[in-house]
Amino acid sequence: MAYLLIKWLHVFSAIVAVGANVTYGIWLARAGRNPEALPFTLRGIKLIDDRIANPAYGLLLVTGLAMAFVGGLSLTTPWLLTALVLYVLVALIGLLGYTPTLRRQIEALDREGHESSDYQALARRGGRIGMLLAVLVTVIIFLMVVKPGLWA
């Protein structure tokens, strides 16, 4: 029963984290057509990222490790080890790339406006980082669901 409760919390956390992240592109596209909405949109994305998505990603790690422990699964199982390495990569890219870029994007918007070259460069950078993170998270989800035999 403990395993199933942990698994439920793990899946719920994944839905919350990934679901929140998936909306960012939609919000940014809509705000791009209405620049007056950009400050509200970017601050909303930052709030959701800081207070909802990132804590849910943290809970994913805790519950994933707990499931491995309770379920007697070795962390060196190929699909799990690969997913953990990708998770660390996602965390590093998010913390060192996406979060500071979003913060600087908000600052550039406040300081220079949405048409400034600084803001535009940061918006493109944020978009590229976001796409990279989306691909990596999609691979992690694939590994978690399919559990492919990667090597013997």
N, C-alpha and C. Protein backbone atom coordinates (compact mmCIF):
# COMPACT_ATOMS: atom_id res chain seq x y z
N MET A 1 0.82 -1.20 0.00
CA MET A 1 0.00 0.00 0.00
C MET A 1 0.86 1.27 0.00
N ALA A 2 1.98 1.23 0.75
CA ALA A 2 2.87 2.40 0.80
C ALA A 2 3.40 2.72 -0.60
N TYR A 3 3.78 1.69 -1.34
CA TYR A 3 4.30 1.90 -2.69
C TYR A 3 3.26 2.60 -3.57
N LEU A 4 2.01 2.15 -3.50
CA LEU A 4 0.97 2.75 -4.34
C LEU A 4 0.70 4.20 -3.97
N LEU A 5 0.76 4.53 -2.70
CA LEU A 5 0.56 5.92 -2.28
C LEU A 5 1.71 6.80 -2.77
N ILE A 6 2.93 6.28 -2.65
CA ILE A 6 4.09 7.02 -3.14
C ILE A 6 3.99 7.19 -4.66
N LYS A 7 3.58 6.13 -5.34
CA LYS A 7 3.43 6.18 -6.80
C LYS A 7 2.38 7.20 -7.21
N TRP A 8 1.26 7.24 -6.48
CA TRP A 8 0.22 8.22 -6.77
C TRP A 8 0.77 9.64 -6.61
N LEU A 9 1.49 9.89 -5.54
CA LEU A 9 2.07 11.21 -5.31
C LEU A 9 3.10 11.54 -6.39
N HIS A 10 3.84 10.55 -6.82
CA HIS A 10 4.83 10.73 -7.88
C HIS A 10 4.15 11.13 -9.20
N VAL A 11 3.15 10.39 -9.58
CA VAL A 11 2.43 10.68 -10.83
C VAL A 11 1.73 12.04 -10.74
N PHE A 12 1.12 12.33 -9.61
CA PHE A 12 0.45 13.63 -9.42
C PHE A 12 1.46 14.76 -9.54
N SER A 13 2.63 14.60 -8.94
CA SER A 13 3.67 15.62 -9.03
C SER A 13 4.13 15.82 -10.47
N ALA A 14 4.23 14.73 -11.21
CA ALA A 14 4.63 14.84 -12.62
C ALA A 14 3.58 15.62 -13.42
N ILE A 15 2.32 15.34 -13.16
CA ILE A 15 1.25 16.05 -13.85
C ILE A 15 1.32 17.54 -13.54
N VAL A 16 1.51 17.87 -12.27
CA VAL A 16 1.57 19.28 -11.86
C VAL A 16 2.78 19.97 -12.48
N ALA A 17 3.97 19.36 -12.36
CA ALA A 17 5.21 19.98 -12.85
C ALA A 17 5.18 20.16 -14.35
N VAL A 18 4.95 19.08 -15.07
CA VAL A 18 4.98 19.14 -16.53
C VAL A 18 3.79 19.95 -17.05
N GLY A 19 2.65 19.77 -16.43
CA GLY A 19 1.47 20.52 -16.85
C GLY A 19 1.67 22.02 -16.73
N ALA A 20 2.29 22.45 -15.65
CA ALA A 20 2.57 23.88 -15.48
C ALA A 20 3.52 24.35 -16.57
N ASN A 21 4.60 23.60 -16.80
CA ASN A 21 5.59 23.99 -17.79
C ASN A 21 5.02 24.06 -19.20
N VAL A 22 4.13 23.16 -19.53
CA VAL A 22 3.54 23.13 -20.87
C VAL A 22 2.78 24.42 -21.18
N THR A 23 2.25 25.05 -20.17
CA THR A 23 1.45 26.26 -20.40
C THR A 23 2.30 27.49 -20.72
N TYR A 24 3.58 27.48 -20.38
CA TYR A 24 4.40 28.68 -20.54
C TYR A 24 4.42 29.19 -21.98
N GLY A 25 4.60 28.30 -22.92
CA GLY A 25 4.64 28.70 -24.32
C GLY A 25 3.34 29.34 -24.78
N ILE A 26 2.24 28.81 -24.30
CA ILE A 26 0.93 29.37 -24.67
C ILE A 26 0.78 30.77 -24.10
N TRP A 27 1.12 30.94 -22.82
CA TRP A 27 1.03 32.27 -22.20
C TRP A 27 1.93 33.27 -22.90
N LEU A 28 3.15 32.85 -23.23
CA LEU A 28 4.09 33.76 -23.90
C LEU A 28 3.62 34.12 -25.31
N ALA A 29 3.07 33.16 -26.02
CA ALA A 29 2.56 33.45 -27.37
C ALA A 29 1.41 34.44 -27.31
N ARG A 30 0.52 34.25 -26.36
CA ARG A 30 -0.61 35.18 -26.22
C ARG A 30 -0.14 36.57 -25.83
N ALA A 31 0.81 36.64 -24.89
CA ALA A 31 1.33 37.93 -24.45
C ALA A 31 2.13 38.61 -25.56
N GLY A 32 2.75 37.81 -26.43
CA GLY A 32 3.49 38.39 -27.55
C GLY A 32 2.61 39.17 -28.50
N ARG A 33 1.34 38.82 -28.55
CA ARG A 33 0.38 39.55 -29.39
C ARG A 33 -0.23 40.74 -28.65
N ASN A 34 0.04 40.82 -27.35
CA ASN A 34 -0.49 41.91 -26.51
C ASN A 34 0.62 42.31 -25.54
N PRO A 35 1.59 43.12 -26.02
CA PRO A 35 2.76 43.43 -25.20
C PRO A 35 2.46 44.05 -23.83
N GLU A 36 1.31 44.68 -23.69
CA GLU A 36 0.96 45.24 -22.38
C GLU A 36 0.80 44.13 -21.34
N ALA A 37 0.51 42.92 -21.81
CA ALA A 37 0.31 41.79 -20.90
C ALA A 37 1.63 41.09 -20.54
N LEU A 38 2.73 41.44 -21.22
CA LEU A 38 4.00 40.76 -20.98
C LEU A 38 4.48 40.82 -19.53
N PRO A 39 4.47 41.99 -18.87
CA PRO A 39 4.95 42.00 -17.48
C PRO A 39 4.15 41.06 -16.58
N PHE A 40 2.84 41.10 -16.69
CA PHE A 40 1.98 40.21 -15.89
C PHE A 40 2.26 38.75 -16.23
N THR A 41 2.38 38.46 -17.52
CA THR A 41 2.60 37.08 -17.97
C THR A 41 3.93 36.53 -17.48
N LEU A 42 5.00 37.29 -17.67
CA LEU A 42 6.33 36.81 -17.25
C LEU A 42 6.40 36.63 -15.74
N ARG A 43 5.81 37.56 -14.99
CA ARG A 43 5.82 37.42 -13.53
C ARG A 43 4.95 36.23 -13.09
N GLY A 44 3.87 36.00 -13.82
CA GLY A 44 3.03 34.83 -13.53
C GLY A 44 3.76 33.53 -13.80
N ILE A 45 4.48 33.46 -14.90
CA ILE A 45 5.26 32.27 -15.22
C ILE A 45 6.34 32.06 -14.16
N LYS A 46 7.01 33.13 -13.76
CA LYS A 46 8.05 33.01 -12.72
C LYS A 46 7.45 32.51 -11.42
N LEU A 47 6.30 33.03 -11.04
CA LEU A 47 5.63 32.59 -9.81
C LEU A 47 5.26 31.11 -9.90
N ILE A 48 4.66 30.70 -10.99
CA ILE A 48 4.27 29.30 -11.17
C ILE A 48 5.51 28.40 -11.17
N ASP A 49 6.57 28.84 -11.84
CA ASP A 49 7.79 28.05 -11.91
C ASP A 49 8.42 27.90 -10.51
N ASP A 50 8.52 29.02 -9.79
CA ASP A 50 9.16 29.00 -8.47
C ASP A 50 8.33 28.29 -7.40
N ARG A 51 7.02 28.48 -7.44
CA ARG A 51 6.19 28.01 -6.33
C ARG A 51 5.42 26.72 -6.59
N ILE A 52 5.27 26.35 -7.87
CA ILE A 52 4.48 25.15 -8.19
C ILE A 52 5.32 24.12 -8.95
N ALA A 53 5.83 24.48 -10.14
CA ALA A 53 6.52 23.50 -10.98
C ALA A 53 7.81 22.99 -10.32
N ASN A 54 8.68 23.89 -9.89
CA ASN A 54 9.95 23.44 -9.31
C ASN A 54 9.78 22.63 -8.03
N PRO A 55 8.91 23.04 -7.10
CA PRO A 55 8.69 22.16 -5.94
C PRO A 55 8.13 20.79 -6.34
N ALA A 56 7.29 20.76 -7.37
CA ALA A 56 6.76 19.47 -7.83
C ALA A 56 7.87 18.61 -8.42
N TYR A 57 8.80 19.22 -9.14
CA TYR A 57 9.96 18.47 -9.65
C TYR A 57 10.80 17.93 -8.49
N GLY A 58 10.95 18.72 -7.43
CA GLY A 58 11.67 18.24 -6.25
C GLY A 58 10.98 17.05 -5.62
N LEU A 59 9.66 17.13 -5.51
CA LEU A 59 8.89 16.02 -4.96
C LEU A 59 8.97 14.79 -5.85
N LEU A 60 9.09 15.00 -7.15
CA LEU A 60 9.27 13.87 -8.07
C LEU A 60 10.54 13.09 -7.74
N LEU A 61 11.62 13.79 -7.46
CA LEU A 61 12.86 13.11 -7.11
C LEU A 61 12.69 12.32 -5.81
N VAL A 62 12.11 12.96 -4.81
CA VAL A 62 11.93 12.30 -3.51
C VAL A 62 11.05 11.06 -3.64
N THR A 63 9.92 11.21 -4.30
CA THR A 63 9.00 10.06 -4.42
C THR A 63 9.55 8.99 -5.35
N GLY A 64 10.29 9.40 -6.39
CA GLY A 64 10.91 8.42 -7.27
C GLY A 64 11.95 7.58 -6.54
N LEU A 65 12.78 8.23 -5.74
CA LEU A 65 13.76 7.50 -4.95
C LEU A 65 13.08 6.61 -3.91
N ALA A 66 12.00 7.12 -3.32
CA ALA A 66 11.25 6.32 -2.34
C ALA A 66 10.65 5.08 -3.00
N MET A 67 10.10 5.23 -4.21
CA MET A 67 9.54 4.05 -4.91
C MET A 67 10.63 3.03 -5.21
N ALA A 68 11.79 3.52 -5.62
CA ALA A 68 12.90 2.59 -5.90
C ALA A 68 13.29 1.85 -4.62
N PHE A 69 13.35 2.55 -3.52
CA PHE A 69 13.72 1.94 -2.25
C PHE A 69 12.66 0.95 -1.79
N VAL A 70 11.41 1.39 -1.75
CA VAL A 70 10.31 0.53 -1.29
C VAL A 70 10.11 -0.65 -2.23
N GLY A 71 10.28 -0.42 -3.54
CA GLY A 71 10.07 -1.47 -4.52
C GLY A 71 11.29 -2.36 -4.76
N GLY A 72 12.39 -2.05 -4.07
CA GLY A 72 13.58 -2.87 -4.21
C GLY A 72 14.25 -2.76 -5.57
N LEU A 73 14.14 -1.60 -6.21
CA LEU A 73 14.70 -1.39 -7.54
C LEU A 73 16.06 -0.71 -7.41
N SER A 74 17.05 -1.24 -8.06
CA SER A 74 18.40 -0.67 -8.03
C SER A 74 18.45 0.63 -8.82
N LEU A 75 19.14 1.63 -8.29
CA LEU A 75 19.29 2.90 -8.99
C LEU A 75 20.21 2.76 -10.21
N THR A 76 20.88 1.63 -10.33
CA THR A 76 21.73 1.40 -11.50
C THR A 76 20.99 0.65 -12.62
N THR A 77 19.70 0.40 -12.43
CA THR A 77 18.88 -0.14 -13.51
C THR A 77 18.98 0.86 -14.68
N PRO A 78 19.34 0.38 -15.87
CA PRO A 78 19.68 1.31 -16.96
C PRO A 78 18.67 2.43 -17.23
N TRP A 79 17.40 2.12 -17.37
CA TRP A 79 16.43 3.17 -17.67
C TRP A 79 16.31 4.15 -16.52
N LEU A 80 16.43 3.67 -15.29
CA LEU A 80 16.32 4.54 -14.12
C LEU A 80 17.57 5.41 -13.97
N LEU A 81 18.72 4.82 -14.13
CA LEU A 81 19.97 5.58 -14.05
C LEU A 81 20.02 6.67 -15.12
N THR A 82 19.62 6.32 -16.34
CA THR A 82 19.59 7.31 -17.43
C THR A 82 18.63 8.44 -17.09
N ALA A 83 17.45 8.10 -16.58
CA ALA A 83 16.48 9.12 -16.20
C ALA A 83 17.01 10.01 -15.08
N LEU A 84 17.70 9.43 -14.12
CA LEU A 84 18.27 10.22 -13.02
C LEU A 84 19.35 11.19 -13.52
N VAL A 85 20.19 10.71 -14.42
CA VAL A 85 21.22 11.59 -15.00
C VAL A 85 20.55 12.73 -15.77
N LEU A 86 19.53 12.41 -16.55
CA LEU A 86 18.80 13.46 -17.28
C LEU A 86 18.10 14.41 -16.32
N TYR A 87 17.58 13.89 -15.22
CA TYR A 87 16.92 14.73 -14.20
C TYR A 87 17.91 15.76 -13.65
N VAL A 88 19.12 15.31 -13.31
CA VAL A 88 20.15 16.22 -12.81
C VAL A 88 20.48 17.27 -13.87
N LEU A 89 20.57 16.85 -15.13
CA LEU A 89 20.83 17.77 -16.22
C LEU A 89 19.71 18.80 -16.35
N VAL A 90 18.48 18.34 -16.28
CA VAL A 90 17.32 19.25 -16.34
C VAL A 90 17.36 20.25 -15.17
N ALA A 91 17.66 19.76 -13.98
CA ALA A 91 17.72 20.65 -12.82
C ALA A 91 18.80 21.71 -13.00
N LEU A 92 19.96 21.30 -13.48
CA LEU A 92 21.05 22.25 -13.68
C LEU A 92 20.71 23.28 -14.75
N ILE A 93 20.16 22.82 -15.87
CA ILE A 93 19.77 23.75 -16.93
C ILE A 93 18.68 24.69 -16.45
N GLY A 94 17.74 24.17 -15.69
CA GLY A 94 16.67 25.01 -15.16
C GLY A 94 17.19 26.05 -14.18
N LEU A 95 18.01 25.60 -13.23
CA LEU A 95 18.50 26.51 -12.19
C LEU A 95 19.55 27.49 -12.71
N LEU A 96 20.41 27.03 -13.61
CA LEU A 96 21.50 27.88 -14.08
C LEU A 96 21.21 28.58 -15.40
N GLY A 97 20.18 28.11 -16.11
CA GLY A 97 19.86 28.68 -17.41
C GLY A 97 18.50 29.35 -17.47
N TYR A 98 17.45 28.56 -17.26
CA TYR A 98 16.10 29.10 -17.47
C TYR A 98 15.72 30.14 -16.41
N THR A 99 15.93 29.82 -15.15
CA THR A 99 15.51 30.73 -14.08
C THR A 99 16.21 32.09 -14.16
N PRO A 100 17.54 32.13 -14.30
CA PRO A 100 18.18 33.45 -14.41
C PRO A 100 17.81 34.18 -15.70
N THR A 101 17.59 33.44 -16.77
CA THR A 101 17.18 34.08 -18.03
C THR A 101 15.81 34.72 -17.87
N LEU A 102 14.89 34.01 -17.24
CA LEU A 102 13.55 34.57 -17.01
C LEU A 102 13.63 35.81 -16.12
N ARG A 103 14.44 35.75 -15.07
CA ARG A 103 14.59 36.90 -14.18
C ARG A 103 15.15 38.10 -14.95
N ARG A 104 16.19 37.87 -15.75
CA ARG A 104 16.80 38.96 -16.53
C ARG A 104 15.85 39.45 -17.62
N GLN A 105 15.03 38.55 -18.14
CA GLN A 105 14.04 38.95 -19.14
C GLN A 105 13.04 39.93 -18.53
N ILE A 106 12.57 39.63 -17.33
CA ILE A 106 11.65 40.54 -16.64
C ILE A 106 12.32 41.88 -16.38
N GLU A 107 13.58 41.85 -15.93
CA GLU A 107 14.31 43.09 -15.67
C GLU A 107 14.48 43.91 -16.94
N ALA A 108 14.84 43.26 -18.05
CA ALA A 108 15.02 43.97 -19.32
C ALA A 108 13.70 44.56 -19.81
N LEU A 109 12.63 43.83 -19.63
CA LEU A 109 11.31 44.32 -20.02
C LEU A 109 10.98 45.58 -19.22
N ASP A 110 11.20 45.54 -17.91
CA ASP A 110 10.90 46.69 -17.05
C ASP A 110 11.79 47.89 -17.40
N ARG A 111 13.04 47.61 -17.71
CA ARG A 111 14.02 48.66 -17.93
C ARG A 111 13.94 49.26 -19.34
N GLU A 112 13.78 48.39 -20.37
CA GLU A 112 13.93 48.84 -21.75
C GLU A 112 12.71 48.60 -22.64
N GLY A 113 11.77 47.78 -22.19
CA GLY A 113 10.60 47.50 -23.00
C GLY A 113 10.76 46.25 -23.86
N HIS A 114 9.66 45.80 -24.41
CA HIS A 114 9.64 44.53 -25.14
C HIS A 114 10.31 44.58 -26.51
N GLU A 115 10.53 45.75 -27.04
CA GLU A 115 11.16 45.86 -28.36
C GLU A 115 12.68 46.00 -28.28
N SER A 116 13.22 46.09 -27.07
CA SER A 116 14.67 46.28 -26.94
C SER A 116 15.41 45.02 -27.38
N SER A 117 16.62 45.21 -27.87
CA SER A 117 17.41 44.07 -28.32
C SER A 117 17.76 43.16 -27.15
N ASP A 118 17.98 43.73 -25.97
CA ASP A 118 18.30 42.93 -24.79
C ASP A 118 17.12 42.01 -24.44
N TYR A 119 15.93 42.58 -24.38
CA TYR A 119 14.75 41.78 -24.06
C TYR A 119 14.54 40.70 -25.12
N GLN A 120 14.63 41.06 -26.39
CA GLN A 120 14.39 40.10 -27.47
C GLN A 120 15.40 38.95 -27.43
N ALA A 121 16.67 39.27 -27.15
CA ALA A 121 17.69 38.22 -27.05
C ALA A 121 17.39 37.29 -25.88
N LEU A 122 16.98 37.85 -24.76
CA LEU A 122 16.65 37.02 -23.60
C LEU A 122 15.40 36.18 -23.86
N ALA A 123 14.43 36.73 -24.57
CA ALA A 123 13.22 35.97 -24.90
C ALA A 123 13.57 34.79 -25.80
N ARG A 124 14.44 35.01 -26.78
CA ARG A 124 14.86 33.91 -27.66
C ARG A 124 15.64 32.86 -26.86
N ARG A 125 16.52 33.31 -26.00
CA ARG A 125 17.30 32.39 -25.16
C ARG A 125 16.37 31.57 -24.28
N GLY A 126 15.41 32.23 -23.64
CA GLY A 126 14.44 31.53 -22.80
C GLY A 126 13.65 30.50 -23.58
N GLY A 127 13.28 30.85 -24.80
CA GLY A 127 12.55 29.91 -25.66
C GLY A 127 13.38 28.69 -26.02
N ARG A 128 14.65 28.92 -26.34
CA ARG A 128 15.53 27.79 -26.68
C ARG A 128 15.76 26.88 -25.47
N ILE A 129 16.00 27.50 -24.34
CA ILE A 129 16.21 26.70 -23.11
C ILE A 129 14.94 25.93 -22.78
N GLY A 130 13.80 26.59 -22.90
CA GLY A 130 12.52 25.93 -22.62
C GLY A 130 12.28 24.73 -23.52
N MET A 131 12.62 24.87 -24.79
CA MET A 131 12.45 23.75 -25.73
C MET A 131 13.39 22.59 -25.37
N LEU A 132 14.63 22.90 -25.02
CA LEU A 132 15.58 21.86 -24.61
C LEU A 132 15.06 21.13 -23.38
N LEU A 133 14.59 21.89 -22.40
CA LEU A 133 14.05 21.27 -21.19
C LEU A 133 12.84 20.39 -21.52
N ALA A 134 11.98 20.85 -22.42
CA ALA A 134 10.80 20.07 -22.79
C ALA A 134 11.20 18.74 -23.41
N VAL A 135 12.21 18.76 -24.27
CA VAL A 135 12.68 17.52 -24.90
C VAL A 135 13.24 16.58 -23.84
N LEU A 136 14.08 17.10 -22.96
CA LEU A 136 14.68 16.25 -21.93
C LEU A 136 13.63 15.66 -20.99
N VAL A 137 12.67 16.47 -20.59
CA VAL A 137 11.60 15.97 -19.70
C VAL A 137 10.77 14.92 -20.42
N THR A 138 10.53 15.11 -21.72
CA THR A 138 9.78 14.12 -22.50
C THR A 138 10.53 12.79 -22.54
N VAL A 139 11.84 12.84 -22.68
CA VAL A 139 12.64 11.61 -22.67
C VAL A 139 12.56 10.94 -21.30
N ILE A 140 12.63 11.73 -20.24
CA ILE A 140 12.52 11.16 -18.89
C ILE A 140 11.16 10.47 -18.71
N ILE A 141 10.10 11.12 -19.15
CA ILE A 141 8.77 10.53 -19.04
C ILE A 141 8.71 9.22 -19.82
N PHE A 142 9.27 9.21 -21.02
CA PHE A 142 9.32 7.98 -21.82
C PHE A 142 10.03 6.87 -21.04
N LEU A 143 11.19 7.18 -20.48
CA LEU A 143 11.94 6.18 -19.72
C LEU A 143 11.15 5.66 -18.52
N MET A 144 10.46 6.55 -17.84
CA MET A 144 9.69 6.16 -16.65
C MET A 144 8.50 5.27 -17.01
N VAL A 145 7.88 5.54 -18.11
CA VAL A 145 6.68 4.79 -18.49
C VAL A 145 7.03 3.49 -19.21
N VAL A 146 7.93 3.56 -20.19
CA VAL A 146 8.24 2.40 -21.03
C VAL A 146 9.25 1.47 -20.36
N LYS A 147 10.19 2.03 -19.59
CA LYS A 147 11.23 1.25 -18.92
C LYS A 147 11.98 0.34 -19.89
N PRO A 148 12.54 0.97 -20.94
CA PRO A 148 13.21 0.13 -21.97
C PRO A 148 14.50 -0.48 -21.46
N GLY A 149 14.83 -1.62 -22.01
CA GLY A 149 16.13 -2.23 -21.72
C GLY A 149 17.18 -1.52 -22.56
N LEU A 150 17.97 -0.68 -21.94
CA LEU A 150 18.92 0.15 -22.70
C LEU A 150 20.24 -0.55 -22.95
N TRP A 151 20.70 -1.30 -21.98
CA TRP A 151 21.92 -2.08 -22.13
C TRP A 151 21.86 -3.23 -21.15
N ALA A 152 22.64 -4.26 -21.41
CA ALA A 152 22.57 -5.44 -20.56
C ALA A 152 23.80 -5.56 -19.69
